[in-house]
Amino acid sequence: MSDTKWTPGPWVLETVKTSVGVCHKVGPFPAKREDDKPRHACLYADYPSDFNPADQALLANARLIAAAPDLYEALQACIDYGSMTGAEWVVEKARASLAKARGE
């Protein structure tokens, strides 16, 4: 993923307790910057509950975000393979998804 402007993968999900809930930390651990400052995002759930669908959705979103670098690479592989085999519908879907990820 050398053509990207985001933190390269692999990313992982780590859930830590806070004073009022949890933080789902997504990114590379340990930090991968030269200055050793964290390069991760936090999705916070204040006063989470196992019965609140929004808290379950937040965790599911964190899992999806953590998978983003792998999904990006898989889509690029679909483009490469689909182009070789003539599966243009796969290629177009993958290209559209990657363009969305790049903000195009």
PDB file of N, CA and C in Angstrom:
ATOM      1  N   MET A   1       0.823  -1.189   0.000  1.00  0.00           N
ATOM      2  CA  MET A   1       0.000   0.000   0.000  1.00  0.00           C
ATOM      3  C   MET A   1       0.865   1.250   0.000  1.00  0.00           C
ATOM      4  N   SER A   2       1.896   1.288  -0.764  1.00  0.00           N
ATOM      5  CA  SER A   2       2.802   2.419  -0.745  1.00  0.00           C
ATOM      6  C   SER A   2       2.194   3.668  -1.351  1.00  0.00           C
ATOM      7  N   ASP A   3       1.092   3.547  -2.110  1.00  0.00           N
ATOM      8  CA  ASP A   3       0.478   4.716  -2.730  1.00  0.00           C
ATOM      9  C   ASP A   3      -0.547   5.390  -1.820  1.00  0.00           C
ATOM     10  N   THR A   4      -0.649   4.978  -0.580  1.00  0.00           N
ATOM     11  CA  THR A   4      -1.656   5.497   0.332  1.00  0.00           C
ATOM     12  C   THR A   4      -1.095   6.595   1.219  1.00  0.00           C
ATOM     13  N   LYS A   5      -2.008   7.340   1.827  1.00  0.00           N
ATOM     14  CA  LYS A   5      -1.615   8.407   2.731  1.00  0.00           C
ATOM     15  C   LYS A   5      -2.018   8.093   4.160  1.00  0.00           C
ATOM     16  N   TRP A   6      -2.447   6.859   4.413  1.00  0.00           N
ATOM     17  CA  TRP A   6      -2.813   6.501   5.774  1.00  0.00           C
ATOM     18  C   TRP A   6      -1.730   5.628   6.381  1.00  0.00           C
ATOM     19  N   THR A   7      -1.861   5.370   7.656  1.00  0.00           N
ATOM     20  CA  THR A   7      -0.890   4.547   8.368  1.00  0.00           C
ATOM     21  C   THR A   7      -0.928   3.136   7.802  1.00  0.00           C
ATOM     22  N   PRO A   8       0.207   2.612   7.366  1.00  0.00           N
ATOM     23  CA  PRO A   8       0.206   1.276   6.792  1.00  0.00           C
ATOM     24  C   PRO A   8      -0.167   0.222   7.826  1.00  0.00           C
ATOM     25  N   GLY A   9      -0.710  -0.884   7.337  1.00  0.00           N
ATOM     26  CA  GLY A   9      -1.092  -1.991   8.198  1.00  0.00           C
ATOM     27  C   GLY A   9       0.096  -2.856   8.530  1.00  0.00           C
ATOM     28  N   PRO A  10      -0.099  -3.899   9.272  1.00  0.00           N
ATOM     29  CA  PRO A  10      -1.409  -4.350   9.738  1.00  0.00           C
ATOM     30  C   PRO A  10      -1.907  -3.517  10.915  1.00  0.00           C
ATOM     31  N   TRP A  11      -3.218  -3.406  11.012  1.00  0.00           N
ATOM     32  CA  TRP A  11      -3.850  -2.748  12.144  1.00  0.00           C
ATOM     33  C   TRP A  11      -4.487  -3.805  13.022  1.00  0.00           C
ATOM     34  N   VAL A  12      -4.595  -3.493  14.282  1.00  0.00           N
ATOM     35  CA  VAL A  12      -5.244  -4.387  15.226  1.00  0.00           C
ATOM     36  C   VAL A  12      -6.246  -3.591  16.056  1.00  0.00           C
ATOM     37  N   LEU A  13      -7.084  -4.300  16.736  1.00  0.00           N
ATOM     38  CA  LEU A  13      -8.071  -3.700  17.624  1.00  0.00           C
ATOM     39  C   LEU A  13      -7.709  -4.080  19.046  1.00  0.00           C
ATOM     40  N   GLU A  14      -7.625  -3.074  19.902  1.00  0.00           N
ATOM     41  CA  GLU A  14      -7.360  -3.291  21.320  1.00  0.00           C
ATOM     42  C   GLU A  14      -8.406  -2.501  22.100  1.00  0.00           C
ATOM     43  N   THR A  15      -9.158  -3.169  22.957  1.00  0.00           N
ATOM     44  CA  THR A  15     -10.168  -2.496  23.765  1.00  0.00           C
ATOM     45  C   THR A  15      -9.625  -2.310  25.173  1.00  0.00           C
ATOM     46  N   VAL A  16      -9.654  -1.050  25.633  1.00  0.00           N
ATOM     47  CA  VAL A  16      -9.151  -0.728  26.971  1.00  0.00           C
ATOM     48  C   VAL A  16     -10.242  -0.013  27.753  1.00  0.00           C
ATOM     49  N   LYS A  17     -10.227  -0.204  29.056  1.00  0.00           N
ATOM     50  CA  LYS A  17     -11.194   0.464  29.920  1.00  0.00           C
ATOM     51  C   LYS A  17     -10.785   1.909  30.137  1.00  0.00           C
ATOM     52  N   THR A  18     -11.788   2.776  30.220  1.00  0.00           N
ATOM     53  CA  THR A  18     -11.569   4.172  30.580  1.00  0.00           C
ATOM     54  C   THR A  18     -12.291   4.419  31.896  1.00  0.00           C
ATOM     55  N   SER A  19     -12.229   5.639  32.377  1.00  0.00           N
ATOM     56  CA  SER A  19     -12.870   5.931  33.654  1.00  0.00           C
ATOM     57  C   SER A  19     -14.391   5.827  33.583  1.00  0.00           C
ATOM     58  N   VAL A  20     -14.972   5.963  32.380  1.00  0.00           N
ATOM     59  CA  VAL A  20     -16.437   5.907  32.256  1.00  0.00           C
ATOM     60  C   VAL A  20     -16.915   4.898  31.219  1.00  0.00           C
ATOM     61  N   GLY A  21     -16.028   4.095  30.680  1.00  0.00           N
ATOM     62  CA  GLY A  21     -16.469   3.134  29.663  1.00  0.00           C
ATOM     63  C   GLY A  21     -15.310   2.397  29.053  1.00  0.00           C
ATOM     64  N   VAL A  22     -15.288   2.355  27.712  1.00  0.00           N
ATOM     65  CA  VAL A  22     -14.222   1.668  26.993  1.00  0.00           C
ATOM     66  C   VAL A  22     -13.785   2.502  25.796  1.00  0.00           C
ATOM     67  N   CYS A  23     -12.560   2.238  25.360  1.00  0.00           N
ATOM     68  CA  CYS A  23     -12.022   2.827  24.137  1.00  0.00           C
ATOM     69  C   CYS A  23     -11.572   1.671  23.264  1.00  0.00           C
ATOM     70  N   HIS A  24     -12.121   1.602  22.056  1.00  0.00           N
ATOM     71  CA  HIS A  24     -11.675   0.616  21.074  1.00  0.00           C
ATOM     72  C   HIS A  24     -10.571   1.301  20.265  1.00  0.00           C
ATOM     73  N   LYS A  25      -9.312   0.953  20.541  1.00  0.00           N
ATOM     74  CA  LYS A  25      -8.169   1.552  19.861  1.00  0.00           C
ATOM     75  C   LYS A  25      -7.876   0.748  18.602  1.00  0.00           C
ATOM     76  N   VAL A  26      -7.811   1.439  17.469  1.00  0.00           N
ATOM     77  CA  VAL A  26      -7.557   0.797  16.180  1.00  0.00           C
ATOM     78  C   VAL A  26      -6.294   1.392  15.587  1.00  0.00           C
ATOM     79  N   GLY A  27      -5.374   0.535  15.189  1.00  0.00           N
ATOM     80  CA  GLY A  27      -4.163   1.007  14.538  1.00  0.00           C
ATOM     81  C   GLY A  27      -3.021   0.044  14.753  1.00  0.00           C
ATOM     82  N   PRO A  28      -1.841   0.490  14.396  1.00  0.00           N
ATOM     83  CA  PRO A  28      -0.674  -0.353  14.621  1.00  0.00           C
ATOM     84  C   PRO A  28      -0.226  -0.240  16.072  1.00  0.00           C
ATOM     85  N   PHE A  29       0.071  -1.366  16.684  1.00  0.00           N
ATOM     86  CA  PHE A  29       0.612  -1.387  18.040  1.00  0.00           C
ATOM     87  C   PHE A  29       1.822  -2.296  18.035  1.00  0.00           C
ATOM     88  N   PRO A  30       2.930  -1.917  18.577  1.00  0.00           N
ATOM     89  CA  PRO A  30       3.176  -0.590  19.139  1.00  0.00           C
ATOM     90  C   PRO A  30       3.277   0.454  18.039  1.00  0.00           C
ATOM     91  N   ALA A  31       3.442   1.697  18.446  1.00  0.00           N
ATOM     92  CA  ALA A  31       3.513   2.800  17.486  1.00  0.00           C
ATOM     93  C   ALA A  31       4.606   2.535  16.462  1.00  0.00           C
ATOM     94  N   LYS A  32       4.369   2.984  15.208  1.00  0.00           N
ATOM     95  CA  LYS A  32       5.340   2.738  14.144  1.00  0.00           C
ATOM     96  C   LYS A  32       6.033   4.022  13.672  1.00  0.00           C
ATOM     97  N   ARG A  33       5.812   5.126  14.355  1.00  0.00           N
ATOM     98  CA  ARG A  33       6.451   6.376  13.944  1.00  0.00           C
ATOM     99  C   ARG A  33       7.827   6.490  14.581  1.00  0.00           C
ATOM    100  N   GLU A  34       8.683   7.261  13.930  1.00  0.00           N
ATOM    101  CA  GLU A  34      10.028   7.459  14.467  1.00  0.00           C
ATOM    102  C   GLU A  34       9.986   8.138  15.830  1.00  0.00           C
ATOM    103  N   ASP A  35       9.023   9.059  16.023  1.00  0.00           N
ATOM    104  CA  ASP A  35       8.936   9.757  17.306  1.00  0.00           C
ATOM    105  C   ASP A  35       8.223   8.916  18.357  1.00  0.00           C
ATOM    106  N   ASP A  36       7.790   7.695  17.991  1.00  0.00           N
ATOM    107  CA  ASP A  36       7.156   6.722  18.880  1.00  0.00           C
ATOM    108  C   ASP A  36       5.853   7.224  19.498  1.00  0.00           C
ATOM    109  N   LYS A  37       5.222   8.208  18.871  1.00  0.00           N
ATOM    110  CA  LYS A  37       3.907   8.640  19.331  1.00  0.00           C
ATOM    111  C   LYS A  37       2.856   7.717  18.734  1.00  0.00           C
ATOM    112  N   PRO A  38       1.763   7.501  19.464  1.00  0.00           N
ATOM    113  CA  PRO A  38       0.737   6.576  18.958  1.00  0.00           C
ATOM    114  C   PRO A  38       0.169   6.999  17.611  1.00  0.00           C
ATOM    115  N   ARG A  39      -0.138   6.020  16.796  1.00  0.00           N
ATOM    116  CA  ARG A  39      -0.782   6.214  15.499  1.00  0.00           C
ATOM    117  C   ARG A  39      -2.024   5.346  15.479  1.00  0.00           C
ATOM    118  N   HIS A  40      -2.992   5.689  16.309  1.00  0.00           N
ATOM    119  CA  HIS A  40      -4.214   4.900  16.327  1.00  0.00           C
ATOM    120  C   HIS A  40      -5.419   5.810  16.539  1.00  0.00           C
ATOM    121  N   ALA A  41      -6.558   5.283  16.230  1.00  0.00           N
ATOM    122  CA  ALA A  41      -7.822   5.984  16.433  1.00  0.00           C
ATOM    123  C   ALA A  41      -8.541   5.337  17.604  1.00  0.00           C
ATOM    124  N   CYS A  42      -9.342   6.113  18.293  1.00  0.00           N
ATOM    125  CA  CYS A  42     -10.124   5.588  19.409  1.00  0.00           C
ATOM    126  C   CYS A  42     -11.606   5.802  19.144  1.00  0.00           C
ATOM    127  N   LEU A  43     -12.373   4.771  19.345  1.00  0.00           N
ATOM    128  CA  LEU A  43     -13.830   4.847  19.291  1.00  0.00           C
ATOM    129  C   LEU A  43     -14.311   4.620  20.715  1.00  0.00           C
ATOM    130  N   TYR A  44     -14.908   5.653  21.303  1.00  0.00           N
ATOM    131  CA  TYR A  44     -15.278   5.606  22.713  1.00  0.00           C
ATOM    132  C   TYR A  44     -16.728   5.197  22.911  1.00  0.00           C
ATOM    133  N   ALA A  45     -16.942   4.408  23.948  1.00  0.00           N
ATOM    134  CA  ALA A  45     -18.291   4.064  24.386  1.00  0.00           C
ATOM    135  C   ALA A  45     -18.371   4.418  25.866  1.00  0.00           C
ATOM    136  N   ASP A  46     -19.097   5.480  26.194  1.00  0.00           N
ATOM    137  CA  ASP A  46     -19.298   5.862  27.581  1.00  0.00           C
ATOM    138  C   ASP A  46     -20.441   5.049  28.158  1.00  0.00           C
ATOM    139  N   TYR A  47     -20.216   4.492  29.321  1.00  0.00           N
ATOM    140  CA  TYR A  47     -21.209   3.672  30.021  1.00  0.00           C
ATOM    141  C   TYR A  47     -21.785   2.584  29.102  1.00  0.00           C
ATOM    142  N   PRO A  48     -20.911   1.748  28.526  1.00  0.00           N
ATOM    143  CA  PRO A  48     -21.391   0.732  27.580  1.00  0.00           C
ATOM    144  C   PRO A  48     -22.238  -0.337  28.272  1.00  0.00           C
ATOM    145  N   SER A  49     -23.079  -0.942  27.474  1.00  0.00           N
ATOM    146  CA  SER A  49     -23.954  -1.994  27.966  1.00  0.00           C
ATOM    147  C   SER A  49     -24.003  -3.117  26.937  1.00  0.00           C
ATOM    148  N   ASP A  50     -24.037  -4.340  27.413  1.00  0.00           N
ATOM    149  CA  ASP A  50     -24.176  -5.480  26.508  1.00  0.00           C
ATOM    150  C   ASP A  50     -25.545  -5.494  25.842  1.00  0.00           C
ATOM    151  N   PHE A  51     -26.471  -4.706  26.364  1.00  0.00           N
ATOM    152  CA  PHE A  51     -27.842  -4.693  25.851  1.00  0.00           C
ATOM    153  C   PHE A  51     -28.102  -3.527  24.900  1.00  0.00           C
ATOM    154  N   ASN A  52     -27.131  -2.653  24.718  1.00  0.00           N
ATOM    155  CA  ASN A  52     -27.312  -1.487  23.850  1.00  0.00           C
ATOM    156  C   ASN A  52     -26.790  -1.819  22.449  1.00  0.00           C
ATOM    157  N   PRO A  53     -27.681  -1.881  21.453  1.00  0.00           N
ATOM    158  CA  PRO A  53     -27.231  -2.197  20.086  1.00  0.00           C
ATOM    159  C   PRO A  53     -26.187  -1.215  19.559  1.00  0.00           C
ATOM    160  N   ALA A  54     -26.239   0.036  19.990  1.00  0.00           N
ATOM    161  CA  ALA A  54     -25.268   1.027  19.516  1.00  0.00           C
ATOM    162  C   ALA A  54     -23.856   0.674  19.985  1.00  0.00           C
ATOM    163  N   ASP A  55     -23.727   0.119  21.179  1.00  0.00           N
ATOM    164  CA  ASP A  55     -22.407  -0.284  21.663  1.00  0.00           C
ATOM    165  C   ASP A  55     -21.871  -1.476  20.880  1.00  0.00           C
ATOM    166  N   GLN A  56     -22.744  -2.393  20.516  1.00  0.00           N
ATOM    167  CA  GLN A  56     -22.334  -3.534  19.700  1.00  0.00           C
ATOM    168  C   GLN A  56     -21.940  -3.070  18.298  1.00  0.00           C
ATOM    169  N   ALA A  57     -22.663  -2.094  17.750  1.00  0.00           N
ATOM    170  CA  ALA A  57     -22.339  -1.550  16.428  1.00  0.00           C
ATOM    171  C   ALA A  57     -20.995  -0.827  16.466  1.00  0.00           C
ATOM    172  N   LEU A  58     -20.706  -0.124  17.560  1.00  0.00           N
ATOM    173  CA  LEU A  58     -19.435   0.576  17.688  1.00  0.00           C
ATOM    174  C   LEU A  58     -18.274  -0.411  17.650  1.00  0.00           C
ATOM    175  N   LEU A  59     -18.412  -1.532  18.356  1.00  0.00           N
ATOM    176  CA  LEU A  59     -17.370  -2.556  18.331  1.00  0.00           C
ATOM    177  C   LEU A  59     -17.242  -3.166  16.936  1.00  0.00           C
ATOM    178  N   ALA A  60     -18.374  -3.419  16.273  1.00  0.00           N
ATOM    179  CA  ALA A  60     -18.336  -3.961  14.907  1.00  0.00           C
ATOM    180  C   ALA A  60     -17.650  -2.976  13.959  1.00  0.00           C
ATOM    181  N   ASN A  61     -17.916  -1.686  14.122  1.00  0.00           N
ATOM    182  CA  ASN A  61     -17.263  -0.667  13.291  1.00  0.00           C
ATOM    183  C   ASN A  61     -15.757  -0.651  13.542  1.00  0.00           C
ATOM    184  N   ALA A  62     -15.354  -0.785  14.802  1.00  0.00           N
ATOM    185  CA  ALA A  62     -13.930  -0.813  15.125  1.00  0.00           C
ATOM    186  C   ALA A  62     -13.254  -2.014  14.471  1.00  0.00           C
ATOM    187  N   ARG A  63     -13.935  -3.156  14.463  1.00  0.00           N
ATOM    188  CA  ARG A  63     -13.377  -4.349  13.799  1.00  0.00           C
ATOM    189  C   ARG A  63     -13.217  -4.121  12.298  1.00  0.00           C
ATOM    190  N   LEU A  64     -14.202  -3.480  11.687  1.00  0.00           N
ATOM    191  CA  LEU A  64     -14.137  -3.201  10.252  1.00  0.00           C
ATOM    192  C   LEU A  64     -12.999  -2.228   9.939  1.00  0.00           C
ATOM    193  N   ILE A  65     -12.846  -1.210  10.762  1.00  0.00           N
ATOM    194  CA  ILE A  65     -11.754  -0.249  10.565  1.00  0.00           C
ATOM    195  C   ILE A  65     -10.408  -0.955  10.698  1.00  0.00           C
ATOM    196  N   ALA A  66     -10.273  -1.830  11.690  1.00  0.00           N
ATOM    197  CA  ALA A  66      -9.013  -2.552  11.884  1.00  0.00           C
ATOM    198  C   ALA A  66      -8.678  -3.437  10.687  1.00  0.00           C
ATOM    199  N   ALA A  67      -9.691  -3.908   9.981  1.00  0.00           N
ATOM    200  CA  ALA A  67      -9.479  -4.765   8.809  1.00  0.00           C
ATOM    201  C   ALA A  67      -9.200  -3.969   7.534  1.00  0.00           C
ATOM    202  N   ALA A  68      -9.298  -2.654   7.585  1.00  0.00           N
ATOM    203  CA  ALA A  68      -9.197  -1.822   6.378  1.00  0.00           C
ATOM    204  C   ALA A  68      -7.941  -2.079   5.538  1.00  0.00           C
ATOM    205  N   PRO A  69      -6.732  -2.111   6.109  1.00  0.00           N
ATOM    206  CA  PRO A  69      -5.564  -2.349   5.253  1.00  0.00           C
ATOM    207  C   PRO A  69      -5.622  -3.703   4.541  1.00  0.00           C
ATOM    208  N   ASP A  70      -6.108  -4.725   5.234  1.00  0.00           N
ATOM    209  CA  ASP A  70      -6.221  -6.051   4.625  1.00  0.00           C
ATOM    210  C   ASP A  70      -7.275  -6.047   3.521  1.00  0.00           C
ATOM    211  N   LEU A  71      -8.387  -5.373   3.772  1.00  0.00           N
ATOM    212  CA  LEU A  71      -9.437  -5.290   2.754  1.00  0.00           C
ATOM    213  C   LEU A  71      -8.945  -4.537   1.521  1.00  0.00           C
ATOM    214  N   TYR A  72      -8.177  -3.483   1.734  1.00  0.00           N
ATOM    215  CA  TYR A  72      -7.621  -2.707   0.624  1.00  0.00           C
ATOM    216  C   TYR A  72      -6.738  -3.603  -0.245  1.00  0.00           C
ATOM    217  N   GLU A  73      -5.858  -4.343   0.401  1.00  0.00           N
ATOM    218  CA  GLU A  73      -4.958  -5.227  -0.350  1.00  0.00           C
ATOM    219  C   GLU A  73      -5.736  -6.328  -1.077  1.00  0.00           C
ATOM    220  N   ALA A  74      -6.781  -6.848  -0.438  1.00  0.00           N
ATOM    221  CA  ALA A  74      -7.590  -7.890  -1.076  1.00  0.00           C
ATOM    222  C   ALA A  74      -8.299  -7.335  -2.312  1.00  0.00           C
ATOM    223  N   LEU A  75      -8.807  -6.114  -2.219  1.00  0.00           N
ATOM    224  CA  LEU A  75      -9.462  -5.516  -3.381  1.00  0.00           C
ATOM    225  C   LEU A  75      -8.465  -5.275  -4.513  1.00  0.00           C
ATOM    226  N   GLN A  76      -7.258  -4.858  -4.162  1.00  0.00           N
ATOM    227  CA  GLN A  76      -6.243  -4.654  -5.194  1.00  0.00           C
ATOM    228  C   GLN A  76      -5.927  -5.982  -5.879  1.00  0.00           C
ATOM    229  N   ALA A  77      -5.875  -7.063  -5.109  1.00  0.00           N
ATOM    230  CA  ALA A  77      -5.638  -8.389  -5.686  1.00  0.00           C
ATOM    231  C   ALA A  77      -6.795  -8.796  -6.599  1.00  0.00           C
ATOM    232  N   CYS A  78      -8.033  -8.431  -6.218  1.00  0.00           N
ATOM    233  CA  CYS A  78      -9.191  -8.720  -7.075  1.00  0.00           C
ATOM    234  C   CYS A  78      -9.057  -8.004  -8.410  1.00  0.00           C
ATOM    235  N   ILE A  79      -8.596  -6.761  -8.376  1.00  0.00           N
ATOM    236  CA  ILE A  79      -8.406  -6.000  -9.620  1.00  0.00           C
ATOM    237  C   ILE A  79      -7.357  -6.695 -10.489  1.00  0.00           C
ATOM    238  N   ASP A  80      -6.238  -7.051  -9.876  1.00  0.00           N
ATOM    239  CA  ASP A  80      -5.161  -7.695 -10.636  1.00  0.00           C
ATOM    240  C   ASP A  80      -5.625  -9.023 -11.239  1.00  0.00           C
ATOM    241  N   TYR A  81      -6.269  -9.858 -10.422  1.00  0.00           N
ATOM    242  CA  TYR A  81      -6.718 -11.169 -10.888  1.00  0.00           C
ATOM    243  C   TYR A  81      -7.876 -11.030 -11.875  1.00  0.00           C
ATOM    244  N   GLY A  82      -8.833 -10.151 -11.548  1.00  0.00           N
ATOM    245  CA  GLY A  82      -9.987  -9.959 -12.426  1.00  0.00           C
ATOM    246  C   GLY A  82      -9.589  -9.445 -13.788  1.00  0.00           C
ATOM    247  N   SER A  83      -8.569  -8.593 -13.826  1.00  0.00           N
ATOM    248  CA  SER A  83      -8.087  -8.074 -15.110  1.00  0.00           C
ATOM    249  C   SER A  83      -7.486  -9.188 -15.958  1.00  0.00           C
ATOM    250  N   MET A  84      -6.820 -10.138 -15.319  1.00  0.00           N
ATOM    251  CA  MET A  84      -6.204 -11.250 -16.048  1.00  0.00           C
ATOM    252  C   MET A  84      -7.240 -12.244 -16.551  1.00  0.00           C
ATOM    253  N   THR A  85      -8.338 -12.407 -15.817  1.00  0.00           N
ATOM    254  CA  THR A  85      -9.316 -13.442 -16.151  1.00  0.00           C
ATOM    255  C   THR A  85     -10.536 -12.906 -16.885  1.00  0.00           C
ATOM    256  N   GLY A  86     -10.620 -11.584 -17.033  1.00  0.00           N
ATOM    257  CA  GLY A  86     -11.760 -11.007 -17.728  1.00  0.00           C
ATOM    258  C   GLY A  86     -12.995 -10.814 -16.859  1.00  0.00           C
ATOM    259  N   ALA A  87     -12.843 -10.881 -15.550  1.00  0.00           N
ATOM    260  CA  ALA A  87     -13.979 -10.688 -14.637  1.00  0.00           C
ATOM    261  C   ALA A  87     -14.140  -9.191 -14.367  1.00  0.00           C
ATOM    262  N   GLU A  88     -14.629  -8.481 -15.374  1.00  0.00           N
ATOM    263  CA  GLU A  88     -14.698  -7.018 -15.282  1.00  0.00           C
ATOM    264  C   GLU A  88     -15.635  -6.511 -14.199  1.00  0.00           C
ATOM    265  N   TRP A  89     -16.696  -7.269 -13.878  1.00  0.00           N
ATOM    266  CA  TRP A  89     -17.597  -6.807 -12.820  1.00  0.00           C
ATOM    267  C   TRP A  89     -16.878  -6.772 -11.478  1.00  0.00           C
ATOM    268  N   VAL A  90     -15.959  -7.726 -11.244  1.00  0.00           N
ATOM    269  CA  VAL A  90     -15.163  -7.721 -10.008  1.00  0.00           C
ATOM    270  C   VAL A  90     -14.209  -6.537 -10.022  1.00  0.00           C
ATOM    271  N   VAL A  91     -13.596  -6.317 -11.153  1.00  0.00           N
ATOM    272  CA  VAL A  91     -12.635  -5.235 -11.286  1.00  0.00           C
ATOM    273  C   VAL A  91     -13.310  -3.884 -11.031  1.00  0.00           C
ATOM    274  N   GLU A  92     -14.458  -3.663 -11.632  1.00  0.00           N
ATOM    275  CA  GLU A  92     -15.139  -2.369 -11.475  1.00  0.00           C
ATOM    276  C   GLU A  92     -15.605  -2.145 -10.040  1.00  0.00           C
ATOM    277  N   LYS A  93     -16.136  -3.175  -9.408  1.00  0.00           N
ATOM    278  CA  LYS A  93     -16.580  -3.059  -8.017  1.00  0.00           C
ATOM    279  C   LYS A  93     -15.393  -2.767  -7.100  1.00  0.00           C
ATOM    280  N   ALA A  94     -14.293  -3.468  -7.313  1.00  0.00           N
ATOM    281  CA  ALA A  94     -13.097  -3.259  -6.499  1.00  0.00           C
ATOM    282  C   ALA A  94     -12.529  -1.860  -6.725  1.00  0.00           C
ATOM    283  N   ARG A  95     -12.487  -1.419  -7.978  1.00  0.00           N
ATOM    284  CA  ARG A  95     -11.977  -0.067  -8.268  1.00  0.00           C
ATOM    285  C   ARG A  95     -12.828   1.004  -7.598  1.00  0.00           C
ATOM    286  N   ALA A  96     -14.136   0.849  -7.640  1.00  0.00           N
ATOM    287  CA  ALA A  96     -15.028   1.823  -7.009  1.00  0.00           C
ATOM    288  C   ALA A  96     -14.817   1.858  -5.495  1.00  0.00           C
ATOM    289  N   SER A  97     -14.632   0.696  -4.900  1.00  0.00           N
ATOM    290  CA  SER A  97     -14.411   0.633  -3.455  1.00  0.00           C
ATOM    291  C   SER A  97     -13.086   1.269  -3.061  1.00  0.00           C
ATOM    292  N   LEU A  98     -12.046   1.011  -3.841  1.00  0.00           N
ATOM    293  CA  LEU A  98     -10.754   1.612  -3.548  1.00  0.00           C
ATOM    294  C   LEU A  98     -10.781   3.121  -3.762  1.00  0.00           C
ATOM    295  N   ALA A  99     -11.486   3.575  -4.762  1.00  0.00           N
ATOM    296  CA  ALA A  99     -11.612   5.018  -4.987  1.00  0.00           C
ATOM    297  C   ALA A  99     -12.304   5.687  -3.797  1.00  0.00           C
ATOM    298  N   LYS A 100     -13.312   5.048  -3.273  1.00  0.00           N
ATOM    299  CA  LYS A 100     -14.012   5.572  -2.090  1.00  0.00           C
ATOM    300  C   LYS A 100     -13.057   5.628  -0.903  1.00  0.00           C
ATOM    301  N   ALA A 101     -12.247   4.588  -0.714  1.00  0.00           N
ATOM    302  CA  ALA A 101     -11.283   4.559   0.381  1.00  0.00           C
ATOM    303  C   ALA A 101     -10.240   5.664   0.246  1.00  0.00           C
ATOM    304  N   ARG A 102      -9.898   6.007  -0.999  1.00  0.00           N
ATOM    305  CA  ARG A 102      -8.909   7.063  -1.242  1.00  0.00           C
ATOM    306  C   ARG A 102      -9.524   8.446  -1.258  1.00  0.00           C
ATOM    307  N   GLY A 103     -10.840   8.540  -1.107  1.00  0.00           N
ATOM    308  CA  GLY A 103     -11.521   9.834  -1.117  1.00  0.00           C
ATOM    309  C   GLY A 103     -11.679  10.434  -2.491  1.00  0.00           C
ATOM    310  N   GLU A 104     -11.703   9.586  -3.510  1.00  0.00           N
ATOM    311  CA  GLU A 104     -11.839  10.066  -4.900  1.00  0.00           C
ATOM    312  C   GLU A 104     -13.299  10.112  -5.326  1.00  0.00           C
TER     313      GLU A 104
END
